[in-house]
Amino acid sequence: MAAVTSHPAQRRGPAALLVAGLALALLAGAVILTNVGGLRDRLFGGNRPPRIESLAVLPLVNLSHDPEQDYFADGMTEQLTTDLGQIGALRVISRTSAMHYKGTSKTLPEIARELHVDAVVEGSVERSGDQVRITAQLIEAPTDRHLWARSYQRDLRNVLSLQDDVAQAIATEVRIKLTPQEQIRLSNARQVNPEAHEADLRGFLRTTQACTDRPLCRGAT
């Protein structure tokens, strides 16, 4: 009678394959959970917010259907830039540099690359009587992806409060932690006299226009 030869290795084959498969599955799960090399974000479109440490405020568009109101939109751009520039953890491009892109046909990613910023703020200003409405959008520069958008409307006497609200909302969206001093500065906007405020904006616009071709003056705006 012929001897029967057993083959234990063959019987262990399926079990070994199962163990190897489980090990690979566990390894793949660990890689995805820990997001090694950003794999999880690439596979599943991770919702991790982008890191934004720098931005530019592009010239706000005048929607008042009156070219004479351009000074008002430019003044609002300047004041919003100033408010954001007072946040220490955020690098904000100067208004002078950003104004070069007024009416440009360049894409937002192109503008951001030239200005070396992570994001841009764009929007519009519309004035009707004693009411002013500002619409602002925060856009991630490399992807041209909208991160936040909102509209605000105030009486002209409260235009500074409107600007501070926009600045605070942007700081919150980019997850910048405001210092107590910055919180106070952006929360204590005073009411203004509309006529005096308009005169200030017109004076500011005349000054910046006169400085266009003067490097020393341009550095101060």
N, C-alpha and C. Protein backbone atom coordinates (compact mmCIF):
# COMPACT_ATOMS: atom_id res chain seq x y z
N MET A 1 0.86 -1.19 0.00
CA MET A 1 0.00 0.00 0.00
C MET A 1 0.89 1.23 0.00
N ALA A 2 0.65 2.14 -0.90
CA ALA A 2 1.52 3.30 -1.01
C ALA A 2 1.28 4.23 0.17
N ALA A 3 2.40 4.81 0.65
CA ALA A 3 2.31 5.76 1.77
C ALA A 3 1.67 7.05 1.30
N VAL A 4 0.87 7.62 2.16
CA VAL A 4 0.23 8.91 1.85
C VAL A 4 1.07 10.03 2.44
N THR A 5 1.51 10.91 1.57
CA THR A 5 2.38 12.01 2.02
C THR A 5 1.52 13.26 2.24
N SER A 6 1.63 13.81 3.44
CA SER A 6 0.84 15.03 3.74
C SER A 6 1.61 16.26 3.29
N HIS A 7 0.91 17.30 3.00
CA HIS A 7 1.53 18.55 2.57
C HIS A 7 0.99 19.69 3.44
N PRO A 8 1.55 19.82 4.66
CA PRO A 8 1.05 20.85 5.58
C PRO A 8 1.17 22.25 5.02
N ALA A 9 2.23 22.48 4.19
CA ALA A 9 2.42 23.84 3.65
C ALA A 9 1.24 24.23 2.77
N GLN A 10 0.71 23.22 2.02
CA GLN A 10 -0.42 23.52 1.16
C GLN A 10 -1.66 23.83 1.98
N ARG A 11 -1.84 23.10 3.09
CA ARG A 11 -3.01 23.37 3.91
C ARG A 11 -2.92 24.73 4.59
N ARG A 12 -1.66 25.17 4.84
CA ARG A 12 -1.51 26.48 5.49
C ARG A 12 -1.61 27.63 4.49
N GLY A 13 -1.60 27.33 3.20
CA GLY A 13 -1.59 28.40 2.21
C GLY A 13 -2.72 29.40 2.35
N PRO A 14 -3.96 28.99 2.32
CA PRO A 14 -5.07 29.96 2.43
C PRO A 14 -5.02 30.78 3.71
N ALA A 15 -4.61 30.15 4.80
CA ALA A 15 -4.53 30.88 6.07
C ALA A 15 -3.46 31.96 5.99
N ALA A 16 -2.32 31.60 5.36
CA ALA A 16 -1.24 32.57 5.24
C ALA A 16 -1.66 33.76 4.38
N LEU A 17 -2.39 33.44 3.30
CA LEU A 17 -2.86 34.53 2.44
C LEU A 17 -3.84 35.43 3.17
N LEU A 18 -4.69 34.82 4.01
CA LEU A 18 -5.65 35.60 4.77
C LEU A 18 -4.96 36.54 5.74
N VAL A 19 -3.93 36.00 6.42
CA VAL A 19 -3.17 36.82 7.37
C VAL A 19 -2.48 37.97 6.65
N ALA A 20 -1.86 37.65 5.50
CA ALA A 20 -1.17 38.69 4.74
C ALA A 20 -2.15 39.77 4.27
N GLY A 21 -3.34 39.32 3.83
CA GLY A 21 -4.35 40.28 3.39
C GLY A 21 -4.81 41.19 4.51
N LEU A 22 -5.01 40.59 5.70
CA LEU A 22 -5.40 41.40 6.85
C LEU A 22 -4.33 42.41 7.22
N ALA A 23 -3.06 41.95 7.14
CA ALA A 23 -1.95 42.85 7.48
C ALA A 23 -1.90 44.03 6.52
N LEU A 24 -2.09 43.75 5.23
CA LEU A 24 -2.07 44.83 4.24
C LEU A 24 -3.24 45.79 4.46
N ALA A 25 -4.39 45.23 4.80
CA ALA A 25 -5.56 46.08 5.04
C ALA A 25 -5.34 46.99 6.24
N LEU A 26 -4.73 46.41 7.30
CA LEU A 26 -4.44 47.22 8.49
C LEU A 26 -3.43 48.31 8.17
N LEU A 27 -2.42 47.96 7.37
CA LEU A 27 -1.41 48.94 7.00
C LEU A 27 -2.02 50.08 6.17
N ALA A 28 -2.87 49.69 5.21
CA ALA A 28 -3.52 50.70 4.38
C ALA A 28 -4.41 51.60 5.23
N GLY A 29 -5.13 50.99 6.19
CA GLY A 29 -5.98 51.78 7.07
C GLY A 29 -5.18 52.76 7.90
N ALA A 30 -4.02 52.33 8.38
CA ALA A 30 -3.17 53.21 9.19
C ALA A 30 -2.66 54.37 8.36
N VAL A 31 -2.25 54.08 7.11
CA VAL A 31 -1.75 55.14 6.23
C VAL A 31 -2.84 56.18 5.97
N ILE A 32 -4.06 55.70 5.71
CA ILE A 32 -5.16 56.62 5.42
C ILE A 32 -5.54 57.43 6.66
N LEU A 33 -5.63 56.76 7.80
CA LEU A 33 -6.03 57.45 9.03
C LEU A 33 -5.02 58.52 9.42
N THR A 34 -3.73 58.23 9.24
CA THR A 34 -2.70 59.20 9.61
C THR A 34 -2.43 60.19 8.49
N ASN A 35 -3.07 60.00 7.32
CA ASN A 35 -2.95 60.92 6.19
C ASN A 35 -1.51 61.08 5.73
N VAL A 36 -0.77 59.98 5.70
CA VAL A 36 0.64 60.02 5.28
C VAL A 36 0.72 60.58 3.87
N GLY A 37 1.56 61.60 3.70
CA GLY A 37 1.74 62.21 2.39
C GLY A 37 0.49 62.82 1.80
N GLY A 38 -0.48 63.13 2.67
CA GLY A 38 -1.73 63.72 2.17
C GLY A 38 -2.58 62.73 1.39
N LEU A 39 -2.31 61.40 1.57
CA LEU A 39 -3.02 60.39 0.79
C LEU A 39 -4.52 60.45 1.04
N ARG A 40 -4.91 60.60 2.30
CA ARG A 40 -6.35 60.61 2.60
C ARG A 40 -7.03 61.78 1.90
N ASP A 41 -6.39 62.96 1.92
CA ASP A 41 -6.99 64.12 1.28
C ASP A 41 -7.12 63.91 -0.22
N ARG A 42 -6.10 63.27 -0.83
CA ARG A 42 -6.17 63.05 -2.27
C ARG A 42 -7.22 62.02 -2.64
N LEU A 43 -7.37 60.99 -1.79
CA LEU A 43 -8.32 59.93 -2.10
C LEU A 43 -9.76 60.35 -1.83
N PHE A 44 -9.95 61.06 -0.73
CA PHE A 44 -11.32 61.33 -0.29
C PHE A 44 -11.67 62.82 -0.29
N GLY A 45 -10.76 63.65 -0.87
CA GLY A 45 -11.07 65.08 -0.92
C GLY A 45 -11.21 65.65 0.46
N GLY A 46 -10.19 65.48 1.29
CA GLY A 46 -10.24 65.90 2.68
C GLY A 46 -10.72 67.33 2.85
N ASN A 47 -11.45 67.57 3.92
CA ASN A 47 -12.02 68.89 4.18
C ASN A 47 -11.14 69.74 5.08
N ARG A 48 -9.90 69.36 5.25
CA ARG A 48 -9.03 70.13 6.10
C ARG A 48 -8.89 71.54 5.53
N PRO A 49 -9.16 72.59 6.33
CA PRO A 49 -9.10 73.95 5.81
C PRO A 49 -7.68 74.32 5.39
N PRO A 50 -7.54 75.11 4.34
CA PRO A 50 -6.21 75.51 3.90
C PRO A 50 -5.56 76.43 4.92
N ARG A 51 -4.26 76.42 4.95
CA ARG A 51 -3.52 77.29 5.86
C ARG A 51 -3.32 78.65 5.18
N ILE A 52 -3.87 79.67 5.74
CA ILE A 52 -3.77 81.00 5.15
C ILE A 52 -3.07 81.94 6.13
N GLU A 53 -1.92 82.42 5.70
CA GLU A 53 -1.13 83.33 6.53
C GLU A 53 -0.90 84.67 5.85
N SER A 54 -1.31 84.78 4.59
CA SER A 54 -1.12 86.02 3.87
C SER A 54 -2.25 86.20 2.87
N LEU A 55 -2.62 87.45 2.64
CA LEU A 55 -3.69 87.71 1.66
C LEU A 55 -3.56 89.12 1.10
N ALA A 56 -4.30 89.34 0.03
CA ALA A 56 -4.37 90.65 -0.60
C ALA A 56 -5.83 91.04 -0.76
N VAL A 57 -6.14 92.29 -0.51
CA VAL A 57 -7.49 92.81 -0.74
C VAL A 57 -7.47 93.48 -2.11
N LEU A 58 -8.13 92.88 -3.08
CA LEU A 58 -8.19 93.47 -4.41
C LEU A 58 -9.17 94.64 -4.43
N PRO A 59 -8.97 95.58 -5.34
CA PRO A 59 -9.86 96.75 -5.38
C PRO A 59 -11.33 96.35 -5.47
N LEU A 60 -12.12 96.87 -4.54
CA LEU A 60 -13.54 96.58 -4.54
C LEU A 60 -14.20 97.28 -5.73
N VAL A 61 -15.15 96.59 -6.34
CA VAL A 61 -15.80 97.09 -7.54
C VAL A 61 -16.94 98.04 -7.15
N ASN A 62 -17.01 99.16 -7.82
CA ASN A 62 -18.08 100.14 -7.60
C ASN A 62 -19.32 99.70 -8.37
N LEU A 63 -20.37 99.34 -7.64
CA LEU A 63 -21.62 98.91 -8.27
C LEU A 63 -22.71 99.99 -8.20
N SER A 64 -22.32 101.22 -7.93
CA SER A 64 -23.30 102.29 -7.75
C SER A 64 -23.76 102.90 -9.07
N HIS A 65 -23.25 102.41 -10.20
CA HIS A 65 -23.63 102.92 -11.52
C HIS A 65 -23.32 104.42 -11.64
N ASP A 66 -22.31 104.85 -10.91
CA ASP A 66 -21.89 106.25 -10.95
C ASP A 66 -20.38 106.30 -10.81
N PRO A 67 -19.67 106.61 -11.90
CA PRO A 67 -18.20 106.65 -11.84
C PRO A 67 -17.68 107.60 -10.76
N GLU A 68 -18.51 108.59 -10.41
CA GLU A 68 -18.08 109.54 -9.37
C GLU A 68 -17.94 108.86 -8.01
N GLN A 69 -18.51 107.67 -7.88
CA GLN A 69 -18.43 106.94 -6.61
C GLN A 69 -17.21 106.02 -6.54
N ASP A 70 -16.34 106.07 -7.54
CA ASP A 70 -15.14 105.24 -7.50
C ASP A 70 -14.29 105.54 -6.27
N TYR A 71 -14.26 106.81 -5.90
CA TYR A 71 -13.47 107.19 -4.73
C TYR A 71 -13.95 106.46 -3.49
N PHE A 72 -15.28 106.23 -3.41
CA PHE A 72 -15.84 105.57 -2.24
C PHE A 72 -15.41 104.11 -2.19
N ALA A 73 -15.46 103.41 -3.34
CA ALA A 73 -15.03 102.00 -3.40
C ALA A 73 -13.55 101.89 -3.09
N ASP A 74 -12.74 102.81 -3.64
CA ASP A 74 -11.30 102.77 -3.38
C ASP A 74 -11.00 103.05 -1.91
N GLY A 75 -11.77 103.98 -1.33
CA GLY A 75 -11.58 104.27 0.09
C GLY A 75 -11.94 103.09 0.97
N MET A 76 -13.00 102.38 0.61
CA MET A 76 -13.39 101.19 1.37
C MET A 76 -12.32 100.10 1.24
N THR A 77 -11.74 99.99 0.06
CA THR A 77 -10.66 99.02 -0.14
C THR A 77 -9.49 99.35 0.79
N GLU A 78 -9.13 100.62 0.84
CA GLU A 78 -8.02 101.05 1.69
C GLU A 78 -8.30 100.77 3.16
N GLN A 79 -9.51 101.07 3.60
CA GLN A 79 -9.81 100.91 5.02
C GLN A 79 -9.90 99.44 5.42
N LEU A 80 -10.42 98.61 4.54
CA LEU A 80 -10.46 97.18 4.83
C LEU A 80 -9.04 96.61 4.87
N THR A 81 -8.19 97.06 3.95
CA THR A 81 -6.79 96.63 3.95
C THR A 81 -6.11 97.05 5.25
N THR A 82 -6.40 98.27 5.68
CA THR A 82 -5.80 98.77 6.93
C THR A 82 -6.26 97.95 8.13
N ASP A 83 -7.57 97.66 8.19
CA ASP A 83 -8.09 96.86 9.31
C ASP A 83 -7.42 95.49 9.37
N LEU A 84 -7.34 94.81 8.23
CA LEU A 84 -6.73 93.49 8.20
C LEU A 84 -5.23 93.57 8.47
N GLY A 85 -4.60 94.65 8.02
CA GLY A 85 -3.17 94.81 8.24
C GLY A 85 -2.79 95.00 9.69
N GLN A 86 -3.76 95.33 10.53
CA GLN A 86 -3.49 95.51 11.95
C GLN A 86 -3.52 94.19 12.72
N ILE A 87 -3.84 93.09 12.02
CA ILE A 87 -3.82 91.77 12.65
C ILE A 87 -2.42 91.20 12.52
N GLY A 88 -1.72 91.09 13.63
CA GLY A 88 -0.31 90.75 13.61
C GLY A 88 0.02 89.41 12.97
N ALA A 89 -0.87 88.43 13.11
CA ALA A 89 -0.58 87.08 12.60
C ALA A 89 -0.86 86.94 11.11
N LEU A 90 -1.30 88.01 10.48
CA LEU A 90 -1.69 87.94 9.07
C LEU A 90 -0.86 88.94 8.26
N ARG A 91 -0.24 88.46 7.19
CA ARG A 91 0.52 89.35 6.30
C ARG A 91 -0.43 89.83 5.20
N VAL A 92 -0.59 91.14 5.14
CA VAL A 92 -1.53 91.74 4.18
C VAL A 92 -0.75 92.62 3.20
N ILE A 93 -0.96 92.38 1.92
CA ILE A 93 -0.30 93.16 0.88
C ILE A 93 -0.81 94.59 0.89
N SER A 94 0.08 95.54 0.66
CA SER A 94 -0.30 96.95 0.70
C SER A 94 -1.33 97.28 -0.38
N ARG A 95 -2.11 98.30 -0.10
CA ARG A 95 -3.12 98.74 -1.05
C ARG A 95 -2.47 99.16 -2.36
N THR A 96 -1.31 99.82 -2.28
CA THR A 96 -0.64 100.28 -3.49
C THR A 96 -0.35 99.14 -4.44
N SER A 97 0.15 98.03 -3.89
CA SER A 97 0.47 96.87 -4.72
C SER A 97 -0.80 96.25 -5.29
N ALA A 98 -1.84 96.16 -4.45
CA ALA A 98 -3.08 95.52 -4.90
C ALA A 98 -3.81 96.36 -5.95
N MET A 99 -3.69 97.71 -5.88
CA MET A 99 -4.41 98.56 -6.80
C MET A 99 -3.94 98.40 -8.24
N HIS A 100 -2.75 97.85 -8.45
CA HIS A 100 -2.28 97.61 -9.81
C HIS A 100 -3.20 96.63 -10.55
N TYR A 101 -3.99 95.88 -9.81
CA TYR A 101 -4.84 94.86 -10.42
C TYR A 101 -6.28 95.35 -10.61
N LYS A 102 -6.51 96.64 -10.47
CA LYS A 102 -7.85 97.17 -10.67
C LYS A 102 -8.21 97.03 -12.15
N GLY A 103 -9.30 96.34 -12.42
CA GLY A 103 -9.74 96.14 -13.79
C GLY A 103 -8.92 95.15 -14.59
N THR A 104 -8.05 94.38 -13.93
CA THR A 104 -7.20 93.43 -14.65
C THR A 104 -8.00 92.24 -15.17
N SER A 105 -7.45 91.61 -16.21
CA SER A 105 -8.07 90.39 -16.74
C SER A 105 -7.34 89.14 -16.24
N LYS A 106 -6.36 89.32 -15.38
CA LYS A 106 -5.61 88.18 -14.86
C LYS A 106 -6.49 87.35 -13.93
N THR A 107 -6.21 86.06 -13.89
CA THR A 107 -6.95 85.18 -13.00
C THR A 107 -6.47 85.38 -11.57
N LEU A 108 -7.32 84.98 -10.62
CA LEU A 108 -6.93 85.11 -9.21
C LEU A 108 -5.69 84.30 -8.87
N PRO A 109 -5.55 83.04 -9.36
CA PRO A 109 -4.30 82.32 -9.08
C PRO A 109 -3.07 83.06 -9.61
N GLU A 110 -3.19 83.69 -10.78
CA GLU A 110 -2.06 84.46 -11.33
C GLU A 110 -1.71 85.64 -10.43
N ILE A 111 -2.73 86.36 -9.99
CA ILE A 111 -2.51 87.51 -9.12
C ILE A 111 -1.86 87.06 -7.81
N ALA A 112 -2.36 85.98 -7.25
CA ALA A 112 -1.84 85.49 -5.98
C ALA A 112 -0.38 85.07 -6.10
N ARG A 113 -0.03 84.43 -7.22
CA ARG A 113 1.36 84.03 -7.42
C ARG A 113 2.27 85.26 -7.51
N GLU A 114 1.80 86.28 -8.20
CA GLU A 114 2.62 87.48 -8.35
C GLU A 114 2.79 88.23 -7.03
N LEU A 115 1.77 88.18 -6.20
CA LEU A 115 1.82 88.87 -4.91
C LEU A 115 2.33 87.98 -3.78
N HIS A 116 2.51 86.68 -4.08
CA HIS A 116 3.00 85.71 -3.08
C HIS A 116 2.08 85.65 -1.86
N VAL A 117 0.79 85.43 -2.11
CA VAL A 117 -0.18 85.33 -1.02
C VAL A 117 -0.93 84.02 -1.10
N ASP A 118 -1.47 83.61 0.04
CA ASP A 118 -2.24 82.36 0.12
C ASP A 118 -3.69 82.55 -0.32
N ALA A 119 -4.21 83.76 -0.18
CA ALA A 119 -5.62 84.00 -0.49
C ALA A 119 -5.82 85.44 -0.92
N VAL A 120 -6.95 85.69 -1.54
CA VAL A 120 -7.31 87.05 -1.93
C VAL A 120 -8.74 87.34 -1.46
N VAL A 121 -8.97 88.60 -1.19
CA VAL A 121 -10.32 89.08 -0.88
C VAL A 121 -10.75 89.97 -2.03
N GLU A 122 -11.91 89.68 -2.59
CA GLU A 122 -12.46 90.53 -3.64
C GLU A 122 -13.92 90.80 -3.31
N GLY A 123 -14.49 91.80 -3.96
CA GLY A 123 -15.87 92.10 -3.66
C GLY A 123 -16.33 93.37 -4.32
N SER A 124 -17.40 93.93 -3.81
CA SER A 124 -18.00 95.11 -4.42
C SER A 124 -18.60 96.00 -3.34
N VAL A 125 -18.80 97.26 -3.75
CA VAL A 125 -19.43 98.25 -2.88
C VAL A 125 -20.57 98.89 -3.65
N GLU A 126 -21.70 99.02 -3.00
CA GLU A 126 -22.84 99.68 -3.63
C GLU A 126 -23.42 100.69 -2.65
N ARG A 127 -23.51 101.90 -3.10
CA ARG A 127 -24.05 102.96 -2.25
C ARG A 127 -25.36 103.46 -2.83
N SER A 128 -26.34 103.57 -1.96
CA SER A 128 -27.65 104.06 -2.38
C SER A 128 -28.18 104.97 -1.28
N GLY A 129 -28.19 106.26 -1.57
CA GLY A 129 -28.63 107.21 -0.55
C GLY A 129 -27.69 107.19 0.64
N ASP A 130 -28.28 106.99 1.82
CA ASP A 130 -27.44 106.93 3.02
C ASP A 130 -27.13 105.50 3.44
N GLN A 131 -27.35 104.55 2.52
CA GLN A 131 -27.05 103.15 2.79
C GLN A 131 -25.84 102.69 1.96
N VAL A 132 -25.02 101.85 2.56
CA VAL A 132 -23.88 101.29 1.83
C VAL A 132 -23.89 99.78 2.04
N ARG A 133 -23.65 99.07 0.95
CA ARG A 133 -23.64 97.60 0.99
C ARG A 133 -22.31 97.12 0.44
N ILE A 134 -21.67 96.24 1.18
CA ILE A 134 -20.41 95.66 0.74
C ILE A 134 -20.56 94.14 0.69
N THR A 135 -20.11 93.58 -0.40
CA THR A 135 -20.08 92.12 -0.56
C THR A 135 -18.63 91.71 -0.69
N ALA A 136 -18.20 90.77 0.13
CA ALA A 136 -16.80 90.34 0.13
C ALA A 136 -16.72 88.83 0.00
N GLN A 137 -15.67 88.37 -0.67
CA GLN A 137 -15.43 86.95 -0.84
C GLN A 137 -13.97 86.65 -0.52
N LEU A 138 -13.77 85.56 0.18
CA LEU A 138 -12.41 85.09 0.47
C LEU A 138 -12.15 83.87 -0.41
N ILE A 139 -11.06 83.92 -1.17
CA ILE A 139 -10.79 82.88 -2.15
C ILE A 139 -9.40 82.31 -1.94
N GLU A 140 -9.33 80.98 -1.86
CA GLU A 140 -8.04 80.30 -1.76
C GLU A 140 -7.31 80.47 -3.09
N ALA A 141 -6.09 81.00 -3.02
CA ALA A 141 -5.40 81.41 -4.24
C ALA A 141 -5.04 80.28 -5.19
N PRO A 142 -4.36 79.21 -4.73
CA PRO A 142 -3.89 78.20 -5.69
C PRO A 142 -5.01 77.49 -6.44
N THR A 143 -6.16 77.31 -5.78
CA THR A 143 -7.23 76.52 -6.37
C THR A 143 -8.39 77.36 -6.90
N ASP A 144 -8.36 78.68 -6.62
CA ASP A 144 -9.46 79.57 -7.01
C ASP A 144 -10.77 79.11 -6.37
N ARG A 145 -10.67 78.54 -5.16
CA ARG A 145 -11.84 78.00 -4.47
C ARG A 145 -12.41 79.02 -3.49
N HIS A 146 -13.70 79.26 -3.54
CA HIS A 146 -14.35 80.19 -2.63
C HIS A 146 -14.44 79.56 -1.24
N LEU A 147 -13.92 80.26 -0.26
CA LEU A 147 -13.94 79.78 1.12
C LEU A 147 -15.05 80.43 1.93
N TRP A 148 -15.39 81.65 1.56
CA TRP A 148 -16.36 82.41 2.37
C TRP A 148 -16.88 83.57 1.55
N ALA A 149 -18.12 83.91 1.73
CA ALA A 149 -18.71 85.08 1.07
C ALA A 149 -19.86 85.59 1.92
N ARG A 150 -19.97 86.90 1.98
CA ARG A 150 -21.06 87.48 2.78
C ARG A 150 -21.29 88.92 2.36
N SER A 151 -22.51 89.38 2.55
CA SER A 151 -22.86 90.76 2.26
C SER A 151 -23.23 91.47 3.56
N TYR A 152 -22.88 92.74 3.65
CA TYR A 152 -23.18 93.55 4.82
C TYR A 152 -23.79 94.87 4.35
N GLN A 153 -24.75 95.36 5.10
CA GLN A 153 -25.35 96.65 4.77
C GLN A 153 -25.49 97.47 6.03
N ARG A 154 -25.10 98.74 5.92
CA ARG A 154 -25.17 99.63 7.07
C ARG A 154 -25.55 101.03 6.60
N ASP A 155 -25.99 101.82 7.56
CA ASP A 155 -26.14 103.25 7.36
C ASP A 155 -24.73 103.85 7.24
N LEU A 156 -24.61 104.93 6.46
CA LEU A 156 -23.30 105.53 6.26
C LEU A 156 -22.64 105.94 7.57
N ARG A 157 -23.43 106.28 8.57
CA ARG A 157 -22.85 106.67 9.86
C ARG A 157 -22.10 105.51 10.51
N ASN A 158 -22.47 104.28 10.12
CA ASN A 158 -21.86 103.09 10.72
C ASN A 158 -20.94 102.36 9.74
N VAL A 159 -20.39 103.08 8.78
CA VAL A 159 -19.56 102.44 7.76
C VAL A 159 -18.29 101.85 8.36
N LEU A 160 -17.75 102.46 9.41
CA LEU A 160 -16.54 101.90 10.03
C LEU A 160 -16.85 100.58 10.72
N SER A 161 -18.02 100.50 11.33
CA SER A 161 -18.45 99.24 11.95
C SER A 161 -18.59 98.15 10.90
N LEU A 162 -19.12 98.51 9.75
CA LEU A 162 -19.27 97.55 8.66
C LEU A 162 -17.90 96.98 8.27
N GLN A 163 -16.93 97.86 8.09
CA GLN A 163 -15.59 97.41 7.69
C GLN A 163 -14.96 96.51 8.75
N ASP A 164 -15.15 96.86 10.01
CA ASP A 164 -14.60 96.04 11.09
C ASP A 164 -15.25 94.66 11.12
N ASP A 165 -16.56 94.60 10.84
CA ASP A 165 -17.26 93.32 10.81
C ASP A 165 -16.68 92.42 9.72
N VAL A 166 -16.41 93.00 8.56
CA VAL A 166 -15.84 92.22 7.46
C VAL A 166 -14.46 91.70 7.85
N ALA A 167 -13.64 92.56 8.44
CA ALA A 167 -12.28 92.16 8.83
C ALA A 167 -12.32 91.04 9.86
N GLN A 168 -13.22 91.15 10.85
CA GLN A 168 -13.31 90.10 11.87
C GLN A 168 -13.78 88.78 11.26
N ALA A 169 -14.73 88.85 10.33
CA ALA A 169 -15.24 87.63 9.71
C ALA A 169 -14.12 86.94 8.92
N ILE A 170 -13.32 87.70 8.22
CA ILE A 170 -12.22 87.12 7.45
C ILE A 170 -11.20 86.49 8.39
N ALA A 171 -10.87 87.19 9.48
CA ALA A 171 -9.92 86.64 10.45
C ALA A 171 -10.43 85.32 11.03
N THR A 172 -11.72 85.26 11.30
CA THR A 172 -12.31 84.02 11.82
C THR A 172 -12.23 82.91 10.79
N GLU A 173 -12.50 83.23 9.54
CA GLU A 173 -12.51 82.22 8.48
C GLU A 173 -11.13 81.64 8.24
N VAL A 174 -10.09 82.44 8.33
CA VAL A 174 -8.72 81.94 8.09
C VAL A 174 -8.11 81.41 9.39
N ARG A 175 -8.93 81.38 10.44
CA ARG A 175 -8.53 80.81 11.73
C ARG A 175 -7.32 81.52 12.34
N ILE A 176 -7.37 82.83 12.25
CA ILE A 176 -6.37 83.66 12.91
C ILE A 176 -6.90 84.03 14.29
N LYS A 177 -6.09 83.80 15.31
CA LYS A 177 -6.52 84.13 16.67
C LYS A 177 -6.17 85.58 16.96
N LEU A 178 -7.19 86.39 17.17
CA LEU A 178 -6.96 87.80 17.46
C LEU A 178 -6.50 87.99 18.90
N THR A 179 -5.57 88.90 19.09
CA THR A 179 -5.16 89.25 20.45
C THR A 179 -6.27 90.08 21.08
N PRO A 180 -6.27 90.20 22.42
CA PRO A 180 -7.30 91.04 23.07
C PRO A 180 -7.28 92.47 22.53
N GLN A 181 -6.08 93.01 22.26
CA GLN A 181 -5.98 94.37 21.74
C GLN A 181 -6.61 94.47 20.35
N GLU A 182 -6.38 93.44 19.52
CA GLU A 182 -6.95 93.45 18.17
C GLU A 182 -8.47 93.32 18.22
N GLN A 183 -8.97 92.51 19.15
CA GLN A 183 -10.41 92.36 19.29
C GLN A 183 -11.06 93.68 19.69
N ILE A 184 -10.41 94.39 20.60
CA ILE A 184 -10.94 95.69 21.03
C ILE A 184 -10.92 96.68 19.87
N ARG A 185 -9.79 96.68 19.13
CA ARG A 185 -9.64 97.62 18.02
C ARG A 185 -10.71 97.41 16.96
N LEU A 186 -11.09 96.16 16.73
CA LEU A 186 -12.07 95.85 15.69
C LEU A 186 -13.50 95.84 16.22
N SER A 187 -13.68 96.21 17.46
CA SER A 187 -15.02 96.20 18.05
C SER A 187 -15.48 97.57 18.52
N ASN A 188 -14.60 98.55 18.42
CA ASN A 188 -14.92 99.87 18.95
C ASN A 188 -15.03 100.93 17.86
N ALA A 189 -15.62 100.55 16.73
CA ALA A 189 -15.77 101.52 15.65
C ALA A 189 -16.75 102.62 16.06
N ARG A 190 -16.38 103.84 15.78
CA ARG A 190 -17.23 104.98 16.11
C ARG A 190 -18.15 105.32 14.94
N GLN A 191 -19.20 106.02 15.23
CA GLN A 191 -20.02 106.54 14.15
C GLN A 191 -19.31 107.72 13.51
N VAL A 192 -19.61 107.96 12.24
CA VAL A 192 -18.95 109.05 11.53
C VAL A 192 -20.00 110.01 10.97
N ASN A 193 -19.57 111.21 10.74
CA ASN A 193 -20.39 112.17 10.01
C ASN A 193 -20.24 111.86 8.53
N PRO A 194 -21.32 111.48 7.83
CA PRO A 194 -21.19 111.07 6.43
C PRO A 194 -20.48 112.08 5.55
N GLU A 195 -20.81 113.38 5.70
CA GLU A 195 -20.18 114.39 4.86
C GLU A 195 -18.69 114.49 5.14
N ALA A 196 -18.31 114.45 6.42
CA ALA A 196 -16.90 114.53 6.77
C ALA A 196 -16.14 113.29 6.29
N HIS A 197 -16.81 112.14 6.40
CA HIS A 197 -16.18 110.90 5.96
C HIS A 197 -15.95 110.92 4.45
N GLU A 198 -16.92 111.40 3.70
CA GLU A 198 -16.75 111.51 2.25
C GLU A 198 -15.60 112.44 1.91
N ALA A 199 -15.51 113.56 2.62
CA ALA A 199 -14.42 114.50 2.37
C ALA A 199 -13.06 113.85 2.64
N ASP A 200 -13.00 113.04 3.70
CA ASP A 200 -11.75 112.33 4.01
C ASP A 200 -11.39 111.36 2.88
N LEU A 201 -12.38 110.61 2.39
CA LEU A 201 -12.12 109.65 1.32
C LEU A 201 -11.68 110.34 0.04
N ARG A 202 -12.32 111.46 -0.30
CA ARG A 202 -11.94 112.19 -1.50
C ARG A 202 -10.52 112.74 -1.37
N GLY A 203 -10.20 113.24 -0.19
CA GLY A 203 -8.85 113.75 0.04
C GLY A 203 -7.82 112.64 -0.06
N PHE A 204 -8.17 111.49 0.49
CA PHE A 204 -7.25 110.36 0.42
C PHE A 204 -7.01 109.94 -1.03
N LEU A 205 -8.09 109.89 -1.82
CA LEU A 205 -7.96 109.48 -3.22
C LEU A 205 -7.09 110.48 -3.99
N ARG A 206 -7.29 111.79 -3.76
CA ARG A 206 -6.47 112.78 -4.46
C ARG A 206 -5.00 112.61 -4.09
N THR A 207 -4.74 112.31 -2.81
CA THR A 207 -3.36 112.13 -2.37
C THR A 207 -2.71 110.93 -3.04
N THR A 208 -3.42 109.81 -3.07
CA THR A 208 -2.84 108.60 -3.65
C THR A 208 -2.66 108.74 -5.16
N GLN A 209 -3.57 109.47 -5.82
CA GLN A 209 -3.40 109.69 -7.26
C GLN A 209 -2.20 110.56 -7.54
N ALA A 210 -1.97 111.54 -6.68
CA ALA A 210 -0.81 112.41 -6.85
C ALA A 210 0.49 111.68 -6.59
N CYS A 211 0.41 110.58 -5.81
CA CYS A 211 1.60 109.82 -5.44
C CYS A 211 1.95 108.73 -6.45
N THR A 212 1.13 108.53 -7.44
CA THR A 212 1.29 107.38 -8.32
C THR A 212 2.70 107.24 -8.87
N ASP A 213 3.30 108.32 -9.31
CA ASP A 213 4.62 108.25 -9.94
C ASP A 213 5.74 108.75 -9.05
N ARG A 214 5.47 108.79 -7.76
CA ARG A 214 6.50 109.28 -6.83
C ARG A 214 6.82 108.16 -5.85
N PRO A 215 7.98 107.49 -5.98
CA PRO A 215 8.30 106.32 -5.16
C PRO A 215 8.25 106.59 -3.67
N LEU A 216 8.75 107.74 -3.24
CA LEU A 216 8.78 108.00 -1.80
C LEU A 216 7.37 108.10 -1.24
N CYS A 217 6.51 108.81 -1.98
CA CYS A 217 5.12 108.94 -1.54
C CYS A 217 4.41 107.62 -1.64
N ARG A 218 4.68 106.84 -2.71
CA ARG A 218 4.03 105.57 -2.91
C ARG A 218 4.34 104.62 -1.76
N GLY A 219 5.53 104.71 -1.22
CA GLY A 219 5.90 103.82 -0.12
C GLY A 219 5.12 104.11 1.14
N ALA A 220 4.50 105.29 1.20
CA ALA A 220 3.78 105.66 2.41
C ALA A 220 2.31 105.29 2.33
N THR A 221 1.84 104.82 1.15
CA THR A 221 0.41 104.51 1.04
C THR A 221 0.16 103.05 1.20
